[in-house]
Amino acid sequence: QVAPHFDLPDNIACVVAGRRRFTLF
């Protein structure tokens, strides 16, 4: 689990293995 944070770049996150839950604000 990675805590909520922001990144300056735009981002496309592609899940390639396992399930991932994204919580966005």
PDB file of all heavy atoms in Angstrom:
ATOM      1  N   GLN A   1       0.845  -1.194   0.000  1.00  0.00           N
ATOM      2  CA  GLN A   1       0.000   0.000   0.000  1.00  0.00           C
ATOM      3  C   GLN A   1       0.877   1.239   0.000  1.00  0.00           C
ATOM      4  O   GLN A   1       1.754   1.393   0.854  1.00  0.00           O
ATOM      5  CB  GLN A   1      -0.920   0.007   1.220  1.00  0.00           C
ATOM      6  CG  GLN A   1      -1.801   1.240   1.334  1.00  0.00           C
ATOM      7  CD  GLN A   1      -2.720   1.176   2.535  1.00  0.00           C
ATOM      8  OE1 GLN A   1      -3.329   0.136   2.813  1.00  0.00           O
ATOM      9  NE2 GLN A   1      -2.837   2.267   3.265  1.00  0.00           N
ATOM     10  N   VAL A   2       0.636   2.118  -0.960  1.00  0.00           N
ATOM     11  CA  VAL A   2       1.352   3.387  -1.071  1.00  0.00           C
ATOM     12  C   VAL A   2       0.382   4.503  -0.736  1.00  0.00           C
ATOM     13  O   VAL A   2      -0.737   4.565  -1.253  1.00  0.00           O
ATOM     14  CB  VAL A   2       1.929   3.564  -2.487  1.00  0.00           C
ATOM     15  CG1 VAL A   2       2.558   4.939  -2.638  1.00  0.00           C
ATOM     16  CG2 VAL A   2       2.958   2.479  -2.773  1.00  0.00           C
ATOM     17  N   ALA A   3       0.793   5.399   0.152  1.00  0.00           N
ATOM     18  CA  ALA A   3      -0.076   6.457   0.645  1.00  0.00           C
ATOM     19  C   ALA A   3      -0.444   7.440  -0.464  1.00  0.00           C
ATOM     20  O   ALA A   3       0.308   7.619  -1.427  1.00  0.00           O
ATOM     21  CB  ALA A   3       0.615   7.206   1.786  1.00  0.00           C
ATOM     22  N   PRO A   4      -1.596   8.116  -0.323  1.00  0.00           N
ATOM     23  CA  PRO A   4      -1.960   9.140  -1.305  1.00  0.00           C
ATOM     24  C   PRO A   4      -0.877  10.209  -1.433  1.00  0.00           C
ATOM     25  O   PRO A   4      -0.363  10.725  -0.439  1.00  0.00           O
ATOM     26  CB  PRO A   4      -3.256   9.725  -0.735  1.00  0.00           C
ATOM     27  CG  PRO A   4      -3.858   8.596   0.047  1.00  0.00           C
ATOM     28  CD  PRO A   4      -2.679   7.891   0.669  1.00  0.00           C
ATOM     29  N   HIS A   5      -0.560  10.519  -2.667  1.00  0.00           N
ATOM     30  CA  HIS A   5       0.442  11.526  -3.014  1.00  0.00           C
ATOM     31  C   HIS A   5       0.061  12.078  -4.374  1.00  0.00           C
ATOM     32  O   HIS A   5      -0.825  11.551  -5.046  1.00  0.00           O
ATOM     33  CB  HIS A   5       1.839  10.900  -3.063  1.00  0.00           C
ATOM     34  CG  HIS A   5       1.963   9.836  -4.110  1.00  0.00           C
ATOM     35  ND1 HIS A   5       1.443   8.560  -3.926  1.00  0.00           N
ATOM     36  CD2 HIS A   5       2.493   9.839  -5.363  1.00  0.00           C
ATOM     37  CE1 HIS A   5       1.651   7.844  -5.010  1.00  0.00           C
ATOM     38  NE2 HIS A   5       2.286   8.590  -5.899  1.00  0.00           N
ATOM     39  N   PHE A   6       0.731  13.128  -4.810  1.00  0.00           N
ATOM     40  CA  PHE A   6       0.488  13.625  -6.161  1.00  0.00           C
ATOM     41  C   PHE A   6       1.798  13.621  -6.935  1.00  0.00           C
ATOM     42  O   PHE A   6       2.883  13.644  -6.360  1.00  0.00           O
ATOM     43  CB  PHE A   6      -0.126  15.033  -6.153  1.00  0.00           C
ATOM     44  CG  PHE A   6       0.828  16.118  -5.698  1.00  0.00           C
ATOM     45  CD1 PHE A   6       1.677  16.746  -6.598  1.00  0.00           C
ATOM     46  CD2 PHE A   6       0.870  16.518  -4.365  1.00  0.00           C
ATOM     47  CE1 PHE A   6       2.566  17.739  -6.177  1.00  0.00           C
ATOM     48  CE2 PHE A   6       1.743  17.510  -3.942  1.00  0.00           C
ATOM     49  CZ  PHE A   6       2.595  18.121  -4.849  1.00  0.00           C
ATOM     50  N   ASP A   7       1.679  13.579  -8.248  1.00  0.00           N
ATOM     51  CA  ASP A   7       2.833  13.670  -9.133  1.00  0.00           C
ATOM     52  C   ASP A   7       2.642  14.861 -10.056  1.00  0.00           C
ATOM     53  O   ASP A   7       1.518  15.181 -10.462  1.00  0.00           O
ATOM     54  CB  ASP A   7       2.988  12.393  -9.964  1.00  0.00           C
ATOM     55  CG  ASP A   7       3.248  11.173  -9.095  1.00  0.00           C
ATOM     56  OD1 ASP A   7       4.192  11.227  -8.284  1.00  0.00           O
ATOM     57  OD2 ASP A   7       2.502  10.186  -9.206  1.00  0.00           O
ATOM     58  N   LEU A   8       3.742  15.508 -10.407  1.00  0.00           N
ATOM     59  CA  LEU A   8       3.667  16.636 -11.329  1.00  0.00           C
ATOM     60  C   LEU A   8       3.320  16.189 -12.752  1.00  0.00           C
ATOM     61  O   LEU A   8       2.507  16.831 -13.415  1.00  0.00           O
ATOM     62  CB  LEU A   8       4.985  17.409 -11.315  1.00  0.00           C
ATOM     63  CG  LEU A   8       5.057  18.639 -12.210  1.00  0.00           C
ATOM     64  CD1 LEU A   8       3.979  19.657 -11.845  1.00  0.00           C
ATOM     65  CD2 LEU A   8       6.439  19.281 -12.116  1.00  0.00           C
ATOM     66  N   PRO A   9       3.898  15.095 -13.272  1.00  0.00           N
ATOM     67  CA  PRO A   9       3.539  14.683 -14.632  1.00  0.00           C
ATOM     68  C   PRO A   9       2.132  14.097 -14.705  1.00  0.00           C
ATOM     69  O   PRO A   9       1.563  13.629 -13.706  1.00  0.00           O
ATOM     70  CB  PRO A   9       4.585  13.610 -14.962  1.00  0.00           C
ATOM     71  CG  PRO A   9       5.651  13.738 -13.936  1.00  0.00           C
ATOM     72  CD  PRO A   9       4.970  14.263 -12.709  1.00  0.00           C
ATOM     73  N   ASP A  10       1.564  14.111 -15.909  1.00  0.00           N
ATOM     74  CA  ASP A  10       0.405  13.274 -16.195  1.00  0.00           C
ATOM     75  C   ASP A  10       0.877  11.831 -16.250  1.00  0.00           C
ATOM     76  O   ASP A  10       2.059  11.546 -16.451  1.00  0.00           O
ATOM     77  CB  ASP A  10      -0.230  13.676 -17.526  1.00  0.00           C
ATOM     78  CG  ASP A  10      -0.886  15.046 -17.468  1.00  0.00           C
ATOM     79  OD1 ASP A  10      -1.809  15.218 -16.650  1.00  0.00           O
ATOM     80  OD2 ASP A  10      -0.478  15.938 -18.238  1.00  0.00           O
ATOM     81  N   ASN A  11      -0.060  10.901 -16.103  1.00  0.00           N
ATOM     82  CA  ASN A  11       0.337   9.515 -15.875  1.00  0.00           C
ATOM     83  C   ASN A  11      -0.720   8.573 -16.446  1.00  0.00           C
ATOM     84  O   ASN A  11      -1.918   8.777 -16.211  1.00  0.00           O
ATOM     85  CB  ASN A  11       0.482   9.300 -14.359  1.00  0.00           C
ATOM     86  CG  ASN A  11       0.857   7.880 -13.972  1.00  0.00           C
ATOM     87  OD1 ASN A  11       1.224   7.065 -14.819  1.00  0.00           O
ATOM     88  ND2 ASN A  11       0.756   7.578 -12.695  1.00  0.00           N
ATOM     89  N   ILE A  12      -0.287   7.586 -17.198  1.00  0.00           N
ATOM     90  CA  ILE A  12      -1.149   6.444 -17.514  1.00  0.00           C
ATOM     91  C   ILE A  12      -0.560   5.235 -16.809  1.00  0.00           C
ATOM     92  O   ILE A  12       0.579   4.833 -17.088  1.00  0.00           O
ATOM     93  CB  ILE A  12      -1.254   6.190 -19.021  1.00  0.00           C
ATOM     94  CG1 ILE A  12      -2.031   7.317 -19.704  1.00  0.00           C
ATOM     95  CG2 ILE A  12      -1.974   4.866 -19.293  1.00  0.00           C
ATOM     96  CD1 ILE A  12      -2.225   7.118 -21.195  1.00  0.00           C
ATOM     97  N   ALA A  13      -1.306   4.689 -15.862  1.00  0.00           N
ATOM     98  CA  ALA A  13      -0.878   3.507 -15.106  1.00  0.00           C
ATOM     99  C   ALA A  13      -1.564   2.286 -15.698  1.00  0.00           C
ATOM    100  O   ALA A  13      -2.797   2.212 -15.724  1.00  0.00           O
ATOM    101  CB  ALA A  13      -1.245   3.665 -13.631  1.00  0.00           C
ATOM    102  N   CYS A  14      -0.766   1.340 -16.173  1.00  0.00           N
ATOM    103  CA  CYS A  14      -1.276   0.128 -16.822  1.00  0.00           C
ATOM    104  C   CYS A  14      -1.015  -1.070 -15.906  1.00  0.00           C
ATOM    105  O   CYS A  14       0.145  -1.434 -15.675  1.00  0.00           O
ATOM    106  CB  CYS A  14      -0.589  -0.097 -18.164  1.00  0.00           C
ATOM    107  SG  CYS A  14      -0.700   1.301 -19.311  1.00  0.00           S
ATOM    108  N   VAL A  15      -2.057  -1.667 -15.397  1.00  0.00           N
ATOM    109  CA  VAL A  15      -1.893  -2.840 -14.531  1.00  0.00           C
ATOM    110  C   VAL A  15      -1.588  -4.045 -15.412  1.00  0.00           C
ATOM    111  O   VAL A  15      -2.325  -4.349 -16.356  1.00  0.00           O
ATOM    112  CB  VAL A  15      -3.154  -3.078 -13.690  1.00  0.00           C
ATOM    113  CG1 VAL A  15      -3.041  -4.386 -12.908  1.00  0.00           C
ATOM    114  CG2 VAL A  15      -3.378  -1.909 -12.734  1.00  0.00           C
ATOM    115  N   VAL A  16      -0.486  -4.737 -15.103  1.00  0.00           N
ATOM    116  CA  VAL A  16      -0.079  -5.877 -15.931  1.00  0.00           C
ATOM    117  C   VAL A  16      -0.134  -7.198 -15.176  1.00  0.00           C
ATOM    118  O   VAL A  16      -0.120  -8.271 -15.801  1.00  0.00           O
ATOM    119  CB  VAL A  16       1.320  -5.657 -16.541  1.00  0.00           C
ATOM    120  CG1 VAL A  16       1.305  -4.466 -17.499  1.00  0.00           C
ATOM    121  CG2 VAL A  16       2.385  -5.463 -15.469  1.00  0.00           C
ATOM    122  N   ALA A  17      -0.181  -7.169 -13.847  1.00  0.00           N
ATOM    123  CA  ALA A  17      -0.290  -8.405 -13.066  1.00  0.00           C
ATOM    124  C   ALA A  17      -0.948  -8.078 -11.735  1.00  0.00           C
ATOM    125  O   ALA A  17      -0.650  -7.040 -11.129  1.00  0.00           O
ATOM    126  CB  ALA A  17       1.080  -9.048 -12.834  1.00  0.00           C
ATOM    127  N   GLY A  18      -1.836  -8.950 -11.263  1.00  0.00           N
ATOM    128  CA  GLY A  18      -2.515  -8.714 -10.006  1.00  0.00           C
ATOM    129  C   GLY A  18      -3.545  -7.601 -10.121  1.00  0.00           C
ATOM    130  O   GLY A  18      -3.623  -6.886 -11.124  1.00  0.00           O
ATOM    131  N   ARG A  19      -4.344  -7.454  -9.072  1.00  0.00           N
ATOM    132  CA  ARG A  19      -5.352  -6.397  -9.031  1.00  0.00           C
ATOM    133  C   ARG A  19      -4.819  -5.203  -8.228  1.00  0.00           C
ATOM    134  O   ARG A  19      -4.086  -5.394  -7.265  1.00  0.00           O
ATOM    135  CB  ARG A  19      -6.637  -6.909  -8.380  1.00  0.00           C
ATOM    136  CG  ARG A  19      -7.312  -8.064  -9.118  1.00  0.00           C
ATOM    137  CD  ARG A  19      -8.310  -8.758  -8.227  1.00  0.00           C
ATOM    138  NE  ARG A  19      -7.619  -9.365  -7.075  1.00  0.00           N
ATOM    139  CZ  ARG A  19      -8.086  -9.373  -5.821  1.00  0.00           C
ATOM    140  NH1 ARG A  19      -9.244  -8.801  -5.535  1.00  0.00           N
ATOM    141  NH2 ARG A  19      -7.392  -9.950  -4.852  1.00  0.00           N
ATOM    142  N   ARG A  20      -5.225  -4.006  -8.637  1.00  0.00           N
ATOM    143  CA  ARG A  20      -4.822  -2.800  -7.919  1.00  0.00           C
ATOM    144  C   ARG A  20      -6.028  -1.904  -7.709  1.00  0.00           C
ATOM    145  O   ARG A  20      -6.870  -1.752  -8.598  1.00  0.00           O
ATOM    146  CB  ARG A  20      -3.749  -2.022  -8.688  1.00  0.00           C
ATOM    147  CG  ARG A  20      -2.435  -2.781  -8.762  1.00  0.00           C
ATOM    148  CD  ARG A  20      -1.253  -1.855  -8.725  1.00  0.00           C
ATOM    149  NE  ARG A  20      -0.018  -2.638  -8.698  1.00  0.00           N
ATOM    150  CZ  ARG A  20       1.144  -2.186  -8.287  1.00  0.00           C
ATOM    151  NH1 ARG A  20       1.253  -0.948  -7.859  1.00  0.00           N
ATOM    152  NH2 ARG A  20       2.219  -2.957  -8.295  1.00  0.00           N
ATOM    153  N   ARG A  21      -6.076  -1.320  -6.536  1.00  0.00           N
ATOM    154  CA  ARG A  21      -7.130  -0.358  -6.192  1.00  0.00           C
ATOM    155  C   ARG A  21      -6.508   1.031  -6.101  1.00  0.00           C
ATOM    156  O   ARG A  21      -5.572   1.259  -5.332  1.00  0.00           O
ATOM    157  CB  ARG A  21      -7.810  -0.733  -4.888  1.00  0.00           C
ATOM    158  CG  ARG A  21      -8.856   0.281  -4.409  1.00  0.00           C
ATOM    159  CD  ARG A  21      -9.659  -0.288  -3.263  1.00  0.00           C
ATOM    160  NE  ARG A  21     -10.393  -1.463  -3.708  1.00  0.00           N
ATOM    161  CZ  ARG A  21     -10.825  -2.434  -2.900  1.00  0.00           C
ATOM    162  NH1 ARG A  21     -10.580  -2.372  -1.595  1.00  0.00           N
ATOM    163  NH2 ARG A  21     -11.487  -3.471  -3.391  1.00  0.00           N
ATOM    164  N   PHE A  22      -7.037   1.949  -6.876  1.00  0.00           N
ATOM    165  CA  PHE A  22      -6.601   3.341  -6.867  1.00  0.00           C
ATOM    166  C   PHE A  22      -7.677   4.184  -6.194  1.00  0.00           C
ATOM    167  O   PHE A  22      -8.847   4.118  -6.582  1.00  0.00           O
ATOM    168  CB  PHE A  22      -6.387   3.860  -8.293  1.00  0.00           C
ATOM    169  CG  PHE A  22      -5.193   3.280  -8.999  1.00  0.00           C
ATOM    170  CD1 PHE A  22      -5.234   1.998  -9.530  1.00  0.00           C
ATOM    171  CD2 PHE A  22      -4.025   4.011  -9.139  1.00  0.00           C
ATOM    172  CE1 PHE A  22      -4.142   1.461 -10.194  1.00  0.00           C
ATOM    173  CE2 PHE A  22      -2.928   3.491  -9.794  1.00  0.00           C
ATOM    174  CZ  PHE A  22      -2.982   2.205 -10.326  1.00  0.00           C
ATOM    175  N   THR A  23      -7.275   4.970  -5.205  1.00  0.00           N
ATOM    176  CA  THR A  23      -8.173   5.919  -4.553  1.00  0.00           C
ATOM    177  C   THR A  23      -7.668   7.311  -4.873  1.00  0.00           C
ATOM    178  O   THR A  23      -6.560   7.680  -4.486  1.00  0.00           O
ATOM    179  CB  THR A  23      -8.215   5.692  -3.039  1.00  0.00           C
ATOM    180  OG1 THR A  23      -8.596   4.332  -2.762  1.00  0.00           O
ATOM    181  CG2 THR A  23      -9.225   6.629  -2.384  1.00  0.00           C
ATOM    182  N   LEU A  24      -8.475   8.086  -5.612  1.00  0.00           N
ATOM    183  CA  LEU A  24      -8.049   9.377  -6.118  1.00  0.00           C
ATOM    184  C   LEU A  24      -8.839  10.510  -5.480  1.00  0.00           C
ATOM    185  O   LEU A  24     -10.034  10.369  -5.201  1.00  0.00           O
ATOM    186  CB  LEU A  24      -8.235   9.450  -7.640  1.00  0.00           C
ATOM    187  CG  LEU A  24      -7.117   8.860  -8.518  1.00  0.00           C
ATOM    188  CD1 LEU A  24      -6.992   7.358  -8.330  1.00  0.00           C
ATOM    189  CD2 LEU A  24      -7.361   9.183  -9.979  1.00  0.00           C
ATOM    190  N   PHE A  25      -8.146  11.632  -5.284  1.00  0.00           N
ATOM    191  CA  PHE A  25      -8.753  12.836  -4.723  1.00  0.00           C
ATOM    192  C   PHE A  25      -8.364  14.033  -5.597  1.00  0.00           C
ATOM    193  O   PHE A  25      -7.207  14.157  -6.011  1.00  0.00           O
ATOM    194  CB  PHE A  25      -8.265  13.094  -3.294  1.00  0.00           C
ATOM    195  CG  PHE A  25      -8.481  11.946  -2.351  1.00  0.00           C
ATOM    196  CD1 PHE A  25      -7.486  10.981  -2.174  1.00  0.00           C
ATOM    197  CD2 PHE A  25      -9.662  11.818  -1.643  1.00  0.00           C
ATOM    198  CE1 PHE A  25      -7.677   9.920  -1.306  1.00  0.00           C
ATOM    199  CE2 PHE A  25      -9.853  10.758  -0.764  1.00  0.00           C
ATOM    200  CZ  PHE A  25      -8.864   9.810  -0.595  1.00  0.00           C
TER     201      PHE A  25
END
